[in-house]
Amino acid sequence: MTDDRFWETVSLDRMDRAQWEALCDGCGKCCLHKLEDEETGELLATNVACRLLDRRQAQCADYRHRHAYVAECVRLTPRLVRTLEWLPSTCAYRLLDEGKPLPAWHYLVSGDRDAVHAAGQSTRGWTVSEDDAGDLEHHIVDRDL
C-alpha cells in the first residue's frame, strides 16, 4: 500500500506520467472487444480479448509498443476519459473523473496487485484471443464491464 495517495489530491490532468500509469489496476477489461447494437446503440461486452492481452496476467504483452501492432488501441488521456463510453465502470480513470473513490481491491488502496483478480474484476480466466474467436457476435457475454 502506498502512503502517497496522490489520486485523492491530484486531478487527472495534473498527474505526471508515473502517476497516470499507476492508476491502471490491470483488469484488462479495456482490451476486450465490444459490439454496438445498431438499433439501440447499447454497448455489448464480449469475452474476446485483443491479441496482445496476456490472458493469464490480464496485462498487455507489449504495452510500450502496442500501437505498432494494434493501431486502434487508444492512448488514454484525461480528455478521452470523459468521452469514451466503453471504459469499464470500475476503471480508475473513469471513477476519479466522476469524483468517485478507488475500490478497496484496487492495488493502490489494497497494496495487492492480485486483489483485482481475487475480486473477480479482471479478465483473467474467461476470455479468448481474437485470433481464435471467429465472429464476435457469438461471444457476447452478460457481464458488466
N, C-alpha and C. Protein backbone atom coordinates (compact mmCIF):
# COMPACT_ATOMS: atom_id res chain seq x y z
N MET A 1 0.85 -1.18 0.00
CA MET A 1 0.00 0.00 0.00
C MET A 1 0.90 1.24 0.00
N THR A 2 0.52 2.18 -0.79
CA THR A 2 1.32 3.40 -0.87
C THR A 2 0.87 4.44 0.15
N ASP A 3 1.82 5.18 0.68
CA ASP A 3 1.49 6.27 1.61
C ASP A 3 1.09 7.51 0.83
N ASP A 4 1.56 7.60 -0.39
CA ASP A 4 1.29 8.75 -1.24
C ASP A 4 -0.03 8.51 -1.97
N ARG A 5 -1.12 8.94 -1.42
CA ARG A 5 -2.44 8.74 -2.03
C ARG A 5 -2.70 9.86 -3.04
N PHE A 6 -1.80 9.96 -4.01
CA PHE A 6 -1.83 11.05 -4.98
C PHE A 6 -3.16 11.17 -5.69
N TRP A 7 -3.84 10.06 -5.94
CA TRP A 7 -5.10 10.06 -6.69
C TRP A 7 -6.21 10.82 -5.96
N GLU A 8 -6.01 11.05 -4.67
CA GLU A 8 -7.01 11.80 -3.89
C GLU A 8 -6.75 13.31 -3.92
N THR A 9 -5.58 13.72 -4.35
CA THR A 9 -5.23 15.13 -4.30
C THR A 9 -4.82 15.73 -5.64
N VAL A 10 -4.49 14.89 -6.61
CA VAL A 10 -4.04 15.38 -7.91
C VAL A 10 -5.09 15.03 -8.96
N SER A 11 -5.54 16.04 -9.71
CA SER A 11 -6.53 15.78 -10.76
C SER A 11 -5.88 15.00 -11.90
N LEU A 12 -6.70 14.31 -12.67
CA LEU A 12 -6.19 13.51 -13.78
C LEU A 12 -5.31 14.33 -14.72
N ASP A 13 -5.74 15.54 -15.03
CA ASP A 13 -4.97 16.33 -15.99
C ASP A 13 -3.72 16.96 -15.40
N ARG A 14 -3.48 16.79 -14.12
CA ARG A 14 -2.26 17.30 -13.48
C ARG A 14 -1.29 16.18 -13.06
N MET A 15 -1.68 14.95 -13.31
CA MET A 15 -0.83 13.82 -12.94
C MET A 15 0.38 13.73 -13.85
N ASP A 16 1.51 13.32 -13.26
CA ASP A 16 2.67 13.06 -14.10
C ASP A 16 2.50 11.67 -14.71
N ARG A 17 3.39 11.32 -15.61
CA ARG A 17 3.26 10.05 -16.35
C ARG A 17 3.23 8.84 -15.42
N ALA A 18 4.08 8.83 -14.41
CA ALA A 18 4.14 7.71 -13.47
C ALA A 18 2.83 7.58 -12.69
N GLN A 19 2.29 8.69 -12.24
CA GLN A 19 1.01 8.65 -11.52
C GLN A 19 -0.10 8.16 -12.44
N TRP A 20 -0.13 8.68 -13.65
CA TRP A 20 -1.15 8.28 -14.62
C TRP A 20 -1.11 6.78 -14.87
N GLU A 21 0.07 6.26 -15.15
CA GLU A 21 0.22 4.84 -15.43
C GLU A 21 -0.11 3.99 -14.21
N ALA A 22 0.17 4.50 -13.02
CA ALA A 22 -0.10 3.75 -11.79
C ALA A 22 -1.58 3.54 -11.55
N LEU A 23 -2.42 4.35 -12.15
CA LEU A 23 -3.87 4.21 -11.94
C LEU A 23 -4.44 2.93 -12.53
N CYS A 24 -3.83 2.41 -13.56
CA CYS A 24 -4.36 1.20 -14.20
C CYS A 24 -4.30 0.04 -13.20
N ASP A 25 -5.44 -0.60 -12.97
CA ASP A 25 -5.50 -1.69 -12.00
C ASP A 25 -5.13 -3.05 -12.58
N GLY A 26 -4.92 -3.10 -13.91
CA GLY A 26 -4.53 -4.36 -14.53
C GLY A 26 -5.68 -5.32 -14.73
N CYS A 27 -6.89 -4.81 -14.89
CA CYS A 27 -8.05 -5.70 -15.07
C CYS A 27 -8.12 -6.28 -16.48
N GLY A 28 -7.65 -5.53 -17.48
CA GLY A 28 -7.71 -5.99 -18.86
C GLY A 28 -9.04 -5.77 -19.55
N LYS A 29 -10.02 -5.20 -18.87
CA LYS A 29 -11.35 -5.03 -19.46
C LYS A 29 -11.36 -4.08 -20.65
N CYS A 30 -10.48 -3.11 -20.65
CA CYS A 30 -10.46 -2.18 -21.79
C CYS A 30 -9.91 -2.86 -23.03
N CYS A 31 -9.28 -4.03 -22.88
CA CYS A 31 -8.71 -4.77 -24.00
C CYS A 31 -9.69 -5.77 -24.61
N LEU A 32 -10.92 -5.74 -24.17
CA LEU A 32 -11.95 -6.63 -24.72
C LEU A 32 -12.68 -5.94 -25.86
N HIS A 33 -13.06 -6.72 -26.84
CA HIS A 33 -13.86 -6.18 -27.94
C HIS A 33 -15.28 -5.99 -27.45
N LYS A 34 -15.86 -4.88 -27.88
CA LYS A 34 -17.25 -4.58 -27.56
C LYS A 34 -18.00 -4.42 -28.88
N LEU A 35 -19.28 -4.71 -28.85
CA LEU A 35 -20.13 -4.53 -30.03
C LEU A 35 -21.18 -3.49 -29.71
N GLU A 36 -21.63 -2.78 -30.72
CA GLU A 36 -22.69 -1.81 -30.51
C GLU A 36 -23.95 -2.31 -31.21
N ASP A 37 -25.04 -2.37 -30.46
CA ASP A 37 -26.33 -2.74 -31.03
C ASP A 37 -26.75 -1.62 -31.97
N GLU A 38 -26.94 -1.94 -33.24
CA GLU A 38 -27.25 -0.93 -34.25
C GLU A 38 -28.58 -0.23 -33.99
N GLU A 39 -29.52 -0.93 -33.37
CA GLU A 39 -30.84 -0.33 -33.13
C GLU A 39 -30.88 0.53 -31.89
N THR A 40 -30.23 0.07 -30.82
CA THR A 40 -30.33 0.79 -29.55
C THR A 40 -29.09 1.61 -29.20
N GLY A 41 -27.98 1.31 -29.85
CA GLY A 41 -26.73 2.00 -29.51
C GLY A 41 -26.06 1.44 -28.27
N GLU A 42 -26.68 0.43 -27.66
CA GLU A 42 -26.13 -0.19 -26.45
C GLU A 42 -24.82 -0.91 -26.75
N LEU A 43 -23.87 -0.76 -25.85
CA LEU A 43 -22.60 -1.47 -25.98
C LEU A 43 -22.73 -2.84 -25.34
N LEU A 44 -22.30 -3.86 -26.07
CA LEU A 44 -22.39 -5.23 -25.61
C LEU A 44 -20.99 -5.78 -25.38
N ALA A 45 -20.78 -6.35 -24.22
CA ALA A 45 -19.48 -6.92 -23.87
C ALA A 45 -19.30 -8.27 -24.54
N THR A 46 -18.06 -8.56 -24.91
CA THR A 46 -17.72 -9.89 -25.40
C THR A 46 -16.60 -10.44 -24.51
N ASN A 47 -16.34 -11.71 -24.69
CA ASN A 47 -15.21 -12.32 -23.98
C ASN A 47 -13.98 -12.42 -24.88
N VAL A 48 -13.96 -11.64 -25.95
CA VAL A 48 -12.87 -11.68 -26.92
C VAL A 48 -11.85 -10.58 -26.59
N ALA A 49 -10.64 -11.03 -26.36
CA ALA A 49 -9.56 -10.13 -25.96
C ALA A 49 -8.67 -9.77 -27.14
N CYS A 50 -8.10 -8.59 -27.09
CA CYS A 50 -7.09 -8.16 -28.05
C CYS A 50 -5.99 -9.22 -28.08
N ARG A 51 -5.41 -9.40 -29.25
CA ARG A 51 -4.35 -10.41 -29.41
C ARG A 51 -3.15 -10.14 -28.52
N LEU A 52 -2.95 -8.91 -28.08
CA LEU A 52 -1.80 -8.60 -27.22
C LEU A 52 -2.08 -8.83 -25.73
N LEU A 53 -3.32 -9.10 -25.38
CA LEU A 53 -3.63 -9.30 -23.96
C LEU A 53 -3.11 -10.67 -23.50
N ASP A 54 -2.22 -10.64 -22.53
CA ASP A 54 -1.80 -11.87 -21.86
C ASP A 54 -2.96 -12.26 -20.96
N ARG A 55 -3.71 -13.26 -21.38
CA ARG A 55 -4.96 -13.59 -20.70
C ARG A 55 -4.76 -14.21 -19.33
N ARG A 56 -3.59 -14.73 -19.03
CA ARG A 56 -3.31 -15.25 -17.68
C ARG A 56 -3.01 -14.13 -16.71
N GLN A 57 -2.34 -13.10 -17.21
CA GLN A 57 -1.97 -11.98 -16.35
C GLN A 57 -2.94 -10.80 -16.44
N ALA A 58 -3.79 -10.79 -17.48
CA ALA A 58 -4.71 -9.67 -17.74
C ALA A 58 -3.93 -8.37 -17.95
N GLN A 59 -2.80 -8.49 -18.66
CA GLN A 59 -1.94 -7.35 -18.95
C GLN A 59 -1.55 -7.39 -20.43
N CYS A 60 -1.28 -6.23 -20.99
CA CYS A 60 -0.81 -6.17 -22.36
C CYS A 60 0.57 -6.79 -22.43
N ALA A 61 0.76 -7.66 -23.40
CA ALA A 61 2.04 -8.36 -23.55
C ALA A 61 3.14 -7.45 -24.10
N ASP A 62 2.74 -6.34 -24.73
CA ASP A 62 3.74 -5.40 -25.25
C ASP A 62 3.18 -3.98 -25.17
N TYR A 63 2.92 -3.54 -23.95
CA TYR A 63 2.28 -2.25 -23.71
C TYR A 63 3.03 -1.11 -24.39
N ARG A 64 4.32 -1.08 -24.25
CA ARG A 64 5.12 0.02 -24.80
C ARG A 64 4.98 0.14 -26.32
N HIS A 65 4.88 -0.97 -27.01
CA HIS A 65 4.83 -0.97 -28.47
C HIS A 65 3.46 -1.37 -29.04
N ARG A 66 2.44 -1.36 -28.22
CA ARG A 66 1.13 -1.88 -28.63
C ARG A 66 0.57 -1.20 -29.88
N HIS A 67 0.83 0.07 -30.05
CA HIS A 67 0.27 0.78 -31.20
C HIS A 67 0.88 0.33 -32.52
N ALA A 68 2.05 -0.24 -32.47
CA ALA A 68 2.67 -0.77 -33.69
C ALA A 68 1.93 -2.02 -34.17
N TYR A 69 1.29 -2.72 -33.25
CA TYR A 69 0.59 -3.97 -33.57
C TYR A 69 -0.92 -3.80 -33.62
N VAL A 70 -1.44 -2.89 -32.81
CA VAL A 70 -2.89 -2.68 -32.71
C VAL A 70 -3.15 -1.18 -32.88
N ALA A 71 -3.32 -0.77 -34.11
CA ALA A 71 -3.44 0.67 -34.41
C ALA A 71 -4.61 1.32 -33.69
N GLU A 72 -5.69 0.57 -33.48
CA GLU A 72 -6.87 1.16 -32.85
C GLU A 72 -6.80 1.21 -31.32
N CYS A 73 -5.71 0.73 -30.74
CA CYS A 73 -5.55 0.81 -29.29
C CYS A 73 -5.46 2.29 -28.91
N VAL A 74 -6.26 2.70 -27.97
CA VAL A 74 -6.39 4.10 -27.61
C VAL A 74 -5.29 4.53 -26.63
N ARG A 75 -4.72 5.69 -26.90
CA ARG A 75 -3.82 6.34 -25.94
C ARG A 75 -4.71 7.17 -25.03
N LEU A 76 -4.99 6.64 -23.89
CA LEU A 76 -5.93 7.28 -22.97
C LEU A 76 -5.37 8.59 -22.43
N THR A 77 -6.21 9.61 -22.45
CA THR A 77 -5.86 10.93 -21.91
C THR A 77 -7.01 11.38 -21.02
N PRO A 78 -6.77 12.38 -20.17
CA PRO A 78 -7.87 12.87 -19.33
C PRO A 78 -9.08 13.32 -20.18
N ARG A 79 -8.81 13.93 -21.31
CA ARG A 79 -9.90 14.37 -22.18
C ARG A 79 -10.69 13.19 -22.72
N LEU A 80 -9.99 12.13 -23.14
CA LEU A 80 -10.67 10.95 -23.67
C LEU A 80 -11.47 10.22 -22.61
N VAL A 81 -10.98 10.21 -21.38
CA VAL A 81 -11.70 9.54 -20.29
C VAL A 81 -13.13 10.04 -20.22
N ARG A 82 -13.31 11.30 -20.46
CA ARG A 82 -14.64 11.92 -20.36
C ARG A 82 -15.56 11.56 -21.52
N THR A 83 -15.00 11.03 -22.60
CA THR A 83 -15.80 10.78 -23.80
C THR A 83 -15.98 9.31 -24.17
N LEU A 84 -15.15 8.44 -23.64
CA LEU A 84 -15.21 7.03 -24.04
C LEU A 84 -16.25 6.27 -23.23
N GLU A 85 -17.34 5.92 -23.87
CA GLU A 85 -18.42 5.21 -23.20
C GLU A 85 -18.04 3.78 -22.84
N TRP A 86 -17.06 3.21 -23.52
CA TRP A 86 -16.72 1.81 -23.33
C TRP A 86 -15.74 1.57 -22.18
N LEU A 87 -15.26 2.63 -21.55
CA LEU A 87 -14.37 2.39 -20.41
C LEU A 87 -15.13 1.61 -19.34
N PRO A 88 -14.50 0.63 -18.75
CA PRO A 88 -15.19 -0.17 -17.73
C PRO A 88 -15.70 0.69 -16.57
N SER A 89 -16.80 0.30 -15.99
CA SER A 89 -17.37 1.05 -14.86
C SER A 89 -16.44 1.06 -13.66
N THR A 90 -15.54 0.09 -13.60
CA THR A 90 -14.59 0.01 -12.48
C THR A 90 -13.25 0.67 -12.79
N CYS A 91 -13.10 1.24 -13.98
CA CYS A 91 -11.84 1.85 -14.40
C CYS A 91 -11.47 3.02 -13.48
N ALA A 92 -10.26 3.00 -12.96
CA ALA A 92 -9.81 4.05 -12.04
C ALA A 92 -9.87 5.42 -12.69
N TYR A 93 -9.51 5.52 -13.96
CA TYR A 93 -9.56 6.80 -14.66
C TYR A 93 -10.98 7.34 -14.69
N ARG A 94 -11.90 6.47 -15.01
CA ARG A 94 -13.31 6.86 -15.07
C ARG A 94 -13.84 7.23 -13.68
N LEU A 95 -13.55 6.38 -12.70
CA LEU A 95 -14.02 6.64 -11.34
C LEU A 95 -13.54 7.99 -10.83
N LEU A 96 -12.25 8.25 -10.98
CA LEU A 96 -11.69 9.52 -10.49
C LEU A 96 -12.26 10.70 -11.24
N ASP A 97 -12.46 10.57 -12.54
CA ASP A 97 -13.06 11.64 -13.32
C ASP A 97 -14.47 11.94 -12.85
N GLU A 98 -15.17 10.91 -12.39
CA GLU A 98 -16.54 11.08 -11.89
C GLU A 98 -16.59 11.46 -10.42
N GLY A 99 -15.42 11.67 -9.80
CA GLY A 99 -15.37 12.08 -8.39
C GLY A 99 -15.60 10.94 -7.42
N LYS A 100 -15.43 9.71 -7.88
CA LYS A 100 -15.65 8.53 -7.04
C LYS A 100 -14.32 7.99 -6.53
N PRO A 101 -14.36 7.27 -5.41
CA PRO A 101 -13.12 6.69 -4.87
C PRO A 101 -12.71 5.42 -5.60
N LEU A 102 -11.46 5.07 -5.47
CA LEU A 102 -11.00 3.79 -5.99
C LEU A 102 -11.58 2.67 -5.13
N PRO A 103 -11.91 1.53 -5.72
CA PRO A 103 -12.45 0.41 -4.94
C PRO A 103 -11.40 -0.18 -4.01
N ALA A 104 -11.84 -0.84 -2.97
CA ALA A 104 -10.94 -1.43 -1.97
C ALA A 104 -9.97 -2.43 -2.59
N TRP A 105 -10.37 -3.10 -3.68
CA TRP A 105 -9.50 -4.09 -4.31
C TRP A 105 -8.44 -3.46 -5.22
N HIS A 106 -8.53 -2.18 -5.53
CA HIS A 106 -7.52 -1.55 -6.38
C HIS A 106 -6.18 -1.63 -5.65
N TYR A 107 -5.13 -2.01 -6.36
CA TYR A 107 -3.84 -2.24 -5.71
C TYR A 107 -3.28 -1.00 -5.02
N LEU A 108 -3.61 0.20 -5.51
CA LEU A 108 -3.14 1.41 -4.82
C LEU A 108 -3.75 1.54 -3.43
N VAL A 109 -4.93 0.98 -3.25
CA VAL A 109 -5.60 1.01 -1.95
C VAL A 109 -5.22 -0.22 -1.13
N SER A 110 -5.28 -1.40 -1.75
CA SER A 110 -5.06 -2.65 -1.02
C SER A 110 -3.59 -3.02 -0.87
N GLY A 111 -2.75 -2.53 -1.79
CA GLY A 111 -1.34 -2.92 -1.79
C GLY A 111 -1.09 -4.28 -2.42
N ASP A 112 -2.12 -4.86 -3.02
CA ASP A 112 -2.03 -6.21 -3.57
C ASP A 112 -2.40 -6.21 -5.05
N ARG A 113 -1.44 -6.45 -5.93
CA ARG A 113 -1.69 -6.47 -7.37
C ARG A 113 -2.67 -7.57 -7.79
N ASP A 114 -2.80 -8.62 -6.98
CA ASP A 114 -3.72 -9.71 -7.32
C ASP A 114 -5.13 -9.50 -6.80
N ALA A 115 -5.36 -8.45 -6.04
CA ALA A 115 -6.69 -8.21 -5.46
C ALA A 115 -7.75 -8.02 -6.55
N VAL A 116 -7.40 -7.40 -7.67
CA VAL A 116 -8.34 -7.21 -8.77
C VAL A 116 -8.83 -8.55 -9.30
N HIS A 117 -7.95 -9.53 -9.33
CA HIS A 117 -8.32 -10.86 -9.81
C HIS A 117 -9.14 -11.60 -8.75
N ALA A 118 -8.71 -11.52 -7.50
CA ALA A 118 -9.43 -12.19 -6.41
C ALA A 118 -10.85 -11.65 -6.27
N ALA A 119 -11.03 -10.37 -6.59
CA ALA A 119 -12.36 -9.75 -6.50
C ALA A 119 -13.22 -10.05 -7.72
N GLY A 120 -12.66 -10.79 -8.69
CA GLY A 120 -13.42 -11.12 -9.89
C GLY A 120 -13.62 -9.93 -10.83
N GLN A 121 -12.73 -8.95 -10.73
CA GLN A 121 -12.87 -7.74 -11.52
C GLN A 121 -11.94 -7.67 -12.73
N SER A 122 -11.30 -8.78 -13.06
CA SER A 122 -10.39 -8.78 -14.20
C SER A 122 -10.86 -9.76 -15.26
N THR A 123 -10.13 -9.78 -16.36
CA THR A 123 -10.45 -10.67 -17.47
C THR A 123 -9.81 -12.05 -17.31
N ARG A 124 -9.07 -12.23 -16.26
CA ARG A 124 -8.36 -13.50 -16.06
C ARG A 124 -9.34 -14.67 -16.00
N GLY A 125 -9.09 -15.66 -16.87
CA GLY A 125 -9.82 -16.91 -16.79
C GLY A 125 -11.10 -17.03 -17.59
N TRP A 126 -11.54 -15.99 -18.29
CA TRP A 126 -12.81 -16.12 -19.00
C TRP A 126 -12.80 -15.52 -20.42
N THR A 127 -11.63 -15.27 -20.96
CA THR A 127 -11.56 -14.67 -22.29
C THR A 127 -10.93 -15.61 -23.31
N VAL A 128 -11.14 -15.27 -24.57
CA VAL A 128 -10.48 -15.96 -25.68
C VAL A 128 -9.77 -14.90 -26.51
N SER A 129 -8.73 -15.29 -27.21
CA SER A 129 -7.99 -14.36 -28.05
C SER A 129 -8.78 -14.08 -29.32
N GLU A 130 -8.65 -12.87 -29.81
CA GLU A 130 -9.29 -12.52 -31.08
C GLU A 130 -8.76 -13.38 -32.22
N ASP A 131 -7.57 -13.93 -32.07
CA ASP A 131 -7.01 -14.79 -33.09
C ASP A 131 -7.74 -16.13 -33.19
N ASP A 132 -8.46 -16.51 -32.14
CA ASP A 132 -9.16 -17.80 -32.09
C ASP A 132 -10.68 -17.67 -32.08
N ALA A 133 -11.20 -16.48 -31.93
CA ALA A 133 -12.62 -16.30 -31.63
C ALA A 133 -13.58 -16.48 -32.79
N GLY A 134 -13.25 -16.01 -33.95
CA GLY A 134 -14.24 -16.02 -35.03
C GLY A 134 -15.18 -14.83 -34.88
N ASP A 135 -16.45 -15.03 -35.24
CA ASP A 135 -17.44 -13.94 -35.20
C ASP A 135 -17.69 -13.45 -33.78
N LEU A 136 -17.52 -12.15 -33.57
CA LEU A 136 -17.72 -11.57 -32.24
C LEU A 136 -19.14 -11.76 -31.72
N GLU A 137 -20.10 -11.80 -32.64
CA GLU A 137 -21.50 -11.94 -32.24
C GLU A 137 -21.74 -13.23 -31.44
N HIS A 138 -20.87 -14.21 -31.62
CA HIS A 138 -21.00 -15.48 -30.91
C HIS A 138 -20.34 -15.45 -29.53
N HIS A 139 -19.79 -14.30 -29.17
CA HIS A 139 -19.03 -14.19 -27.92
C HIS A 139 -19.57 -13.11 -26.98
N ILE A 140 -20.80 -12.69 -27.20
CA ILE A 140 -21.41 -11.70 -26.30
C ILE A 140 -21.61 -12.34 -24.94
N VAL A 141 -21.24 -11.63 -23.90
CA VAL A 141 -21.39 -12.13 -22.53
C VAL A 141 -22.27 -11.20 -21.73
N ASP A 142 -22.90 -11.76 -20.73
CA ASP A 142 -23.76 -10.97 -19.84
C ASP A 142 -22.94 -10.58 -18.61
N ARG A 143 -22.06 -9.63 -18.81
CA ARG A 143 -21.18 -9.15 -17.75
C ARG A 143 -21.17 -7.63 -17.79
N ASP A 144 -21.17 -7.03 -16.64
CA ASP A 144 -20.95 -5.60 -16.57
C ASP A 144 -19.45 -5.36 -16.65
N LEU A 145 -19.08 -4.49 -17.52
CA LEU A 145 -17.67 -4.15 -17.62
C LEU A 145 -17.43 -2.79 -17.09
